[in-house]
Amino acid sequence: MAKKSFTLIELLISLGILGLILGISAPFLISFNNSQELDSVTDEMVSIFRKAQTNSINGEKDAIWGIDFSQLQKYILFSDNQTGPLFDTETYEIPKSISLTVNNNRLKFEKLTGKINQNFEATLTGGNKQYKISINQEGTIDYYKLNQ
């Protein structure tokens, strides 16, 4: 009775097909991962904007709350009681695969109203996908995808 097994050629052909499939699908998986990362960072940033605005409206720690974008690849939630240095800061990292452009390096929400002095816009770009976050002077926070 003969044993049934794979020959070396059958094994090499199977590994070649598997390698070809992985080689073709890898760019799609990387693109999908980058897209998910951009979605996550955008959602987190909008959430932090809303947290700063809510804290200002509620008069949390009797301070103005805002976001600082002066450092590369990070943004900082802060409170400012206008009597000294900023305090209660939280730093959030932006992955290197995502670029951020803003029209103002510092955003502050007014106490009790949550309004801002001038319209604010931030654009996050990752791969071929972009989100724009906009806040008007009344404090309305909106975000949307610019392209697919």
Protein backbone atom coordinates (compact mmCIF):
# COMPACT_ATOMS: atom_id res chain seq x y z
CA MET A 1 0.00 0.00 0.00
CA ALA A 2 1.45 3.35 -1.07
CA LYS A 3 1.51 6.36 1.26
CA LYS A 4 -0.26 9.47 0.03
CA SER A 5 1.67 12.68 0.59
CA PHE A 6 2.52 15.96 -1.08
CA THR A 7 5.45 16.17 -3.39
CA LEU A 8 7.99 18.95 -3.09
CA ILE A 9 6.67 20.59 -6.25
CA GLU A 10 3.06 20.60 -4.95
CA LEU A 11 4.22 22.14 -1.69
CA LEU A 12 6.22 24.86 -3.50
CA ILE A 13 3.29 25.67 -5.79
CA SER A 14 0.96 25.96 -2.77
CA LEU A 15 3.39 28.27 -0.95
CA GLY A 16 3.81 30.36 -4.11
CA ILE A 17 0.04 30.81 -4.46
CA LEU A 18 -0.26 31.71 -0.78
CA GLY A 19 2.58 34.25 -1.11
CA LEU A 20 0.93 35.78 -4.19
CA ILE A 21 -2.39 36.16 -2.37
CA LEU A 22 -0.68 37.78 0.63
CA GLY A 23 1.33 40.08 -1.64
CA ILE A 24 -1.79 41.27 -3.43
CA SER A 25 -3.87 41.75 -0.27
CA ALA A 26 -1.21 43.47 1.91
CA PRO A 27 -1.66 47.00 0.44
CA PHE A 28 -5.42 46.74 0.92
CA LEU A 29 -5.00 45.67 4.53
CA ILE A 30 -2.56 48.52 5.22
CA SER A 31 -4.92 51.03 3.59
CA PHE A 32 -7.85 49.70 5.63
CA ASN A 33 -5.82 49.94 8.85
CA ASN A 34 -4.79 53.54 8.09
CA SER A 35 -8.39 54.43 7.30
CA GLN A 36 -9.59 52.98 10.61
CA GLU A 37 -6.82 54.83 12.47
CA LEU A 38 -7.90 58.15 10.88
CA ASP A 39 -11.53 57.49 11.83
CA SER A 40 -10.49 56.76 15.41
CA VAL A 41 -8.27 59.87 15.76
CA THR A 42 -11.00 62.09 14.27
CA ASP A 43 -13.63 60.73 16.67
CA GLU A 44 -11.27 61.18 19.62
CA MET A 45 -10.43 64.77 18.64
CA VAL A 46 -14.12 65.73 18.28
CA SER A 47 -14.76 64.15 21.69
CA ILE A 48 -11.97 66.23 23.27
CA PHE A 49 -13.35 69.41 21.66
CA ARG A 50 -16.74 68.63 23.18
CA LYS A 51 -15.15 67.90 26.56
CA ALA A 52 -13.35 71.28 26.55
CA GLN A 53 -16.53 73.07 25.52
CA THR A 54 -18.65 71.29 28.15
CA ASN A 55 -16.10 72.04 30.87
CA SER A 56 -16.13 75.74 29.90
CA ILE A 57 -19.94 75.89 29.81
CA ASN A 58 -20.14 74.24 33.24
CA GLY A 59 -17.48 76.57 34.66
CA GLU A 60 -15.37 73.56 35.62
CA LYS A 61 -12.62 74.75 38.01
CA ASP A 62 -13.70 78.33 37.26
CA ALA A 63 -11.57 78.25 34.11
CA ILE A 64 -11.67 78.60 30.35
CA TRP A 65 -10.99 75.28 28.63
CA GLY A 66 -9.33 74.83 25.28
CA ILE A 67 -7.08 72.89 22.97
CA ASP A 68 -3.48 73.74 22.06
CA PHE A 69 -2.04 72.61 18.70
CA SER A 70 1.40 74.24 18.91
CA GLN A 71 3.32 70.94 19.14
CA LEU A 72 3.85 68.59 16.21
CA GLN A 73 1.79 65.38 16.11
CA LYS A 74 -0.02 66.13 19.39
CA TYR A 75 -2.69 68.34 20.85
CA ILE A 76 -3.26 69.34 24.46
CA LEU A 77 -6.49 69.83 26.39
CA PHE A 78 -5.96 72.59 28.97
CA SER A 79 -7.74 74.80 31.43
CA ASP A 80 -6.81 78.42 31.94
CA ASN A 81 -7.93 80.40 34.98
CA GLN A 82 -6.14 83.47 33.53
CA THR A 83 -4.20 84.07 36.74
CA GLY A 84 -1.12 82.01 35.96
CA PRO A 85 0.13 79.10 33.93
CA LEU A 86 -2.15 76.60 32.19
CA PHE A 87 -3.18 73.62 34.28
CA ASP A 88 -5.08 70.32 34.07
CA THR A 89 -3.45 69.45 30.79
CA GLU A 90 -3.99 66.18 28.92
CA THR A 91 -1.82 65.37 25.89
CA TYR A 92 -3.11 63.35 22.94
CA GLU A 93 -0.77 61.89 20.31
CA ILE A 94 -1.49 61.90 16.57
CA PRO A 95 0.05 58.94 14.71
CA LYS A 96 2.75 59.78 12.17
CA SER A 97 0.56 58.32 9.40
CA ILE A 98 -1.92 61.20 9.94
CA SER A 99 -1.25 64.84 9.15
CA LEU A 100 -3.11 67.67 10.87
CA THR A 101 -3.55 71.25 9.68
CA VAL A 102 -5.36 73.88 11.74
CA ASN A 103 -6.19 77.53 11.10
CA ASN A 104 -5.37 78.51 14.69
CA ASN A 105 -2.86 76.95 17.11
CA ARG A 106 -4.99 77.62 20.17
CA LEU A 107 -8.72 77.19 20.61
CA LYS A 108 -10.49 78.49 23.73
CA PHE A 109 -14.16 78.10 24.63
CA GLU A 110 -15.77 80.94 26.59
CA LYS A 111 -17.01 80.24 30.10
CA LEU A 112 -20.76 79.61 30.40
CA THR A 113 -21.48 80.00 26.64
CA GLY A 114 -19.04 77.60 24.96
CA LYS A 115 -18.55 80.09 22.13
CA ILE A 116 -15.22 80.84 20.43
CA ASN A 117 -13.73 84.11 19.13
CA GLN A 118 -13.26 83.06 15.49
CA ASN A 119 -14.24 80.10 13.34
CA PHE A 120 -11.93 77.12 13.75
CA GLU A 121 -11.05 74.43 11.21
CA ALA A 122 -8.89 71.35 11.46
CA THR A 123 -8.15 68.95 8.61
CA LEU A 124 -6.91 65.43 9.28
CA THR A 125 -5.41 63.50 6.38
CA GLY A 126 -4.45 59.85 6.30
CA GLY A 127 -3.65 58.13 3.02
CA ASN A 128 -6.31 59.14 0.50
CA LYS A 129 -8.91 60.07 3.13
CA GLN A 130 -9.55 63.45 4.79
CA TYR A 131 -11.81 64.74 7.54
CA LYS A 132 -12.58 68.36 8.29
CA ILE A 133 -13.62 69.45 11.77
CA SER A 134 -15.17 72.90 11.96
CA ILE A 135 -16.38 74.97 14.89
CA ASN A 136 -18.28 78.18 14.25
CA GLN A 137 -18.27 81.20 16.58
CA GLU A 138 -21.46 79.99 18.25
CA GLY A 139 -19.57 76.86 19.30
CA THR A 140 -21.27 74.37 16.96
CA ILE A 141 -18.88 71.47 16.36
CA ASP A 142 -19.25 69.63 13.06
CA TYR A 143 -17.10 67.15 11.18
CA TYR A 144 -17.35 65.41 7.85
CA LYS A 145 -15.37 63.40 5.34
CA LEU A 146 -13.91 65.47 2.49
CA ASN A 147 -13.24 62.61 0.06
CA GLN A 148 -13.48 58.85 -0.21
